[in-house]
Amino acid sequence: VQLQASGGGMVQAGGSLSLACTASGSIFGLNDMGWYRQAPGKQRELVTVITSGGGTNYADSVKGRFTISRDNAEKMVYLQMNSLKPEDTAVYYCNTVPATVVGGYWGQGTLVTVSS
């Protein structure tokens, strides 16, 4: 699974971060792509989805604060996160929707830590 997320870091509540994800062509293709996150001690959850045509959907918890986008030519997916809250702290992964998981491996995630 060739998915690599980057851009995470530590930020204070109210701050912003921009995440990026590179995907192999075989995965990116015409698939819907999404950003997932897994907070400590919690199950992984789907945060936002973007279709191959650019349609988007967001979990209620991030609606109005996060923006997903994609560049089909470059096989990249982006996540702009604004007004971050401590509860946004998690490891963020990008993947297809539904997810492509090989041998339990989701691809490389990136840690986002939001301090209060």
Protein backbone atom coordinates (compact mmCIF):
# COMPACT_ATOMS: atom_id res chain seq x y z
CA VAL A 1 0.00 0.00 0.00
CA GLN A 2 1.75 3.15 -1.21
CA LEU A 3 0.12 5.90 0.77
CA GLN A 4 2.18 8.46 2.62
CA ALA A 5 0.73 11.26 4.70
CA SER A 6 2.80 14.23 5.82
CA GLY A 7 2.44 17.66 7.37
CA GLY A 8 1.48 16.79 10.90
CA GLY A 9 2.92 18.47 13.95
CA MET A 10 2.09 20.21 17.17
CA VAL A 11 -0.14 23.27 17.24
CA GLN A 12 -2.11 25.21 19.80
CA ALA A 13 -5.87 25.14 19.84
CA GLY A 14 -7.25 27.49 17.22
CA GLY A 15 -4.29 26.97 14.95
CA SER A 16 -4.05 25.46 11.50
CA LEU A 17 -2.19 22.64 9.78
CA SER A 18 -2.07 21.40 6.21
CA LEU A 19 -1.68 17.72 5.49
CA ALA A 20 -0.68 16.15 2.21
CA CYS A 21 -0.83 12.59 0.97
CA THR A 22 0.91 10.92 -1.93
CA ALA A 23 -0.66 7.82 -3.40
CA SER A 24 0.44 5.35 -6.00
CA GLY A 25 -1.40 5.45 -9.26
CA SER A 26 -2.85 2.00 -8.76
CA ILE A 27 -4.51 3.16 -5.58
CA PHE A 28 -5.45 6.71 -6.53
CA GLY A 29 -7.03 5.91 -9.87
CA LEU A 30 -10.67 6.90 -9.97
CA ASN A 31 -11.24 6.01 -6.33
CA ASP A 32 -12.91 8.13 -3.74
CA MET A 33 -10.21 9.25 -1.32
CA GLY A 34 -10.52 10.08 2.33
CA TRP A 35 -8.73 11.21 5.43
CA TYR A 36 -9.07 8.99 8.46
CA ARG A 37 -7.80 9.56 11.97
CA GLN A 38 -7.13 7.46 15.02
CA ALA A 39 -6.94 9.09 18.40
CA PRO A 40 -5.21 7.34 21.31
CA GLY A 41 -7.38 4.56 22.65
CA LYS A 42 -10.04 5.05 20.01
CA GLN A 43 -11.03 3.36 16.78
CA ARG A 44 -10.00 4.81 13.47
CA GLU A 45 -12.67 7.05 11.98
CA LEU A 46 -13.34 8.51 8.56
CA VAL A 47 -13.15 12.27 8.75
CA THR A 48 -13.75 13.40 5.19
CA VAL A 49 -14.19 12.03 1.69
CA ILE A 50 -13.59 13.43 -1.78
CA THR A 51 -14.89 11.67 -4.85
CA SER A 52 -12.96 11.33 -8.07
CA GLY A 53 -15.08 14.17 -9.41
CA GLY A 54 -14.37 16.45 -6.49
CA GLY A 55 -17.52 16.03 -4.42
CA THR A 56 -16.86 16.24 -0.69
CA ASN A 57 -18.38 15.10 2.55
CA TYR A 58 -17.33 15.76 6.14
CA ALA A 59 -17.94 14.30 9.55
CA ASP A 60 -19.98 16.64 11.72
CA SER A 61 -17.04 17.03 14.08
CA VAL A 62 -14.91 18.75 11.43
CA LYS A 63 -17.48 20.35 9.17
CA GLY A 64 -16.70 24.01 8.57
CA ARG A 65 -13.14 23.64 9.85
CA PHE A 66 -11.49 21.10 7.55
CA THR A 67 -11.26 21.18 3.76
CA ILE A 68 -10.25 18.22 1.61
CA SER A 69 -8.96 18.56 -1.93
CA ARG A 70 -7.21 16.42 -4.50
CA ASP A 71 -4.94 16.78 -7.50
CA ASN A 72 -5.68 13.90 -9.82
CA ALA A 73 -2.73 14.65 -12.10
CA GLU A 74 -0.26 14.57 -9.23
CA LYS A 75 -2.08 11.81 -7.32
CA MET A 76 -2.18 13.93 -4.21
CA VAL A 77 -4.81 14.47 -1.54
CA TYR A 78 -4.75 17.42 0.83
CA LEU A 79 -6.40 18.33 4.10
CA GLN A 80 -6.51 21.91 5.32
CA MET A 81 -7.34 21.97 9.02
CA ASN A 82 -8.36 25.23 10.66
CA SER A 83 -9.62 26.12 14.12
CA LEU A 84 -8.03 22.99 15.50
CA LYS A 85 -9.23 21.60 18.79
CA PRO A 86 -7.52 19.30 21.30
CA GLU A 87 -9.97 16.56 20.29
CA ASP A 88 -8.51 16.66 16.78
CA THR A 89 -5.33 15.12 18.19
CA ALA A 90 -4.76 11.86 16.33
CA VAL A 91 -2.69 10.06 13.74
CA TYR A 92 -4.10 11.01 10.35
CA TYR A 93 -4.08 8.65 7.39
CA CYS A 94 -5.25 9.00 3.84
CA ASN A 95 -6.70 6.04 1.98
CA THR A 96 -9.34 5.08 -0.49
CA VAL A 97 -12.96 4.92 0.61
CA PRO A 98 -13.58 2.19 1.47
CA ALA A 99 -10.04 1.72 2.66
CA THR A 100 -7.37 -0.33 0.91
CA VAL A 101 -5.54 -2.29 3.58
CA VAL A 102 -2.90 -4.89 2.78
CA GLY A 103 -1.78 -7.16 5.57
CA GLY A 104 -3.19 -4.74 8.11
CA TYR A 105 -1.06 -1.88 6.79
CA TRP A 106 -2.80 1.41 6.15
CA GLY A 107 0.10 3.35 4.82
CA GLN A 108 2.14 5.96 6.64
CA GLY A 109 0.18 8.27 8.88
CA THR A 110 1.10 11.64 10.31
CA LEU A 111 0.64 12.72 13.92
CA VAL A 112 -1.33 15.86 14.71
CA THR A 113 -1.18 17.11 18.28
CA VAL A 114 -3.34 20.03 19.39
CA SER A 115 -2.61 21.52 22.77
CA SER A 116 -5.12 23.48 24.81
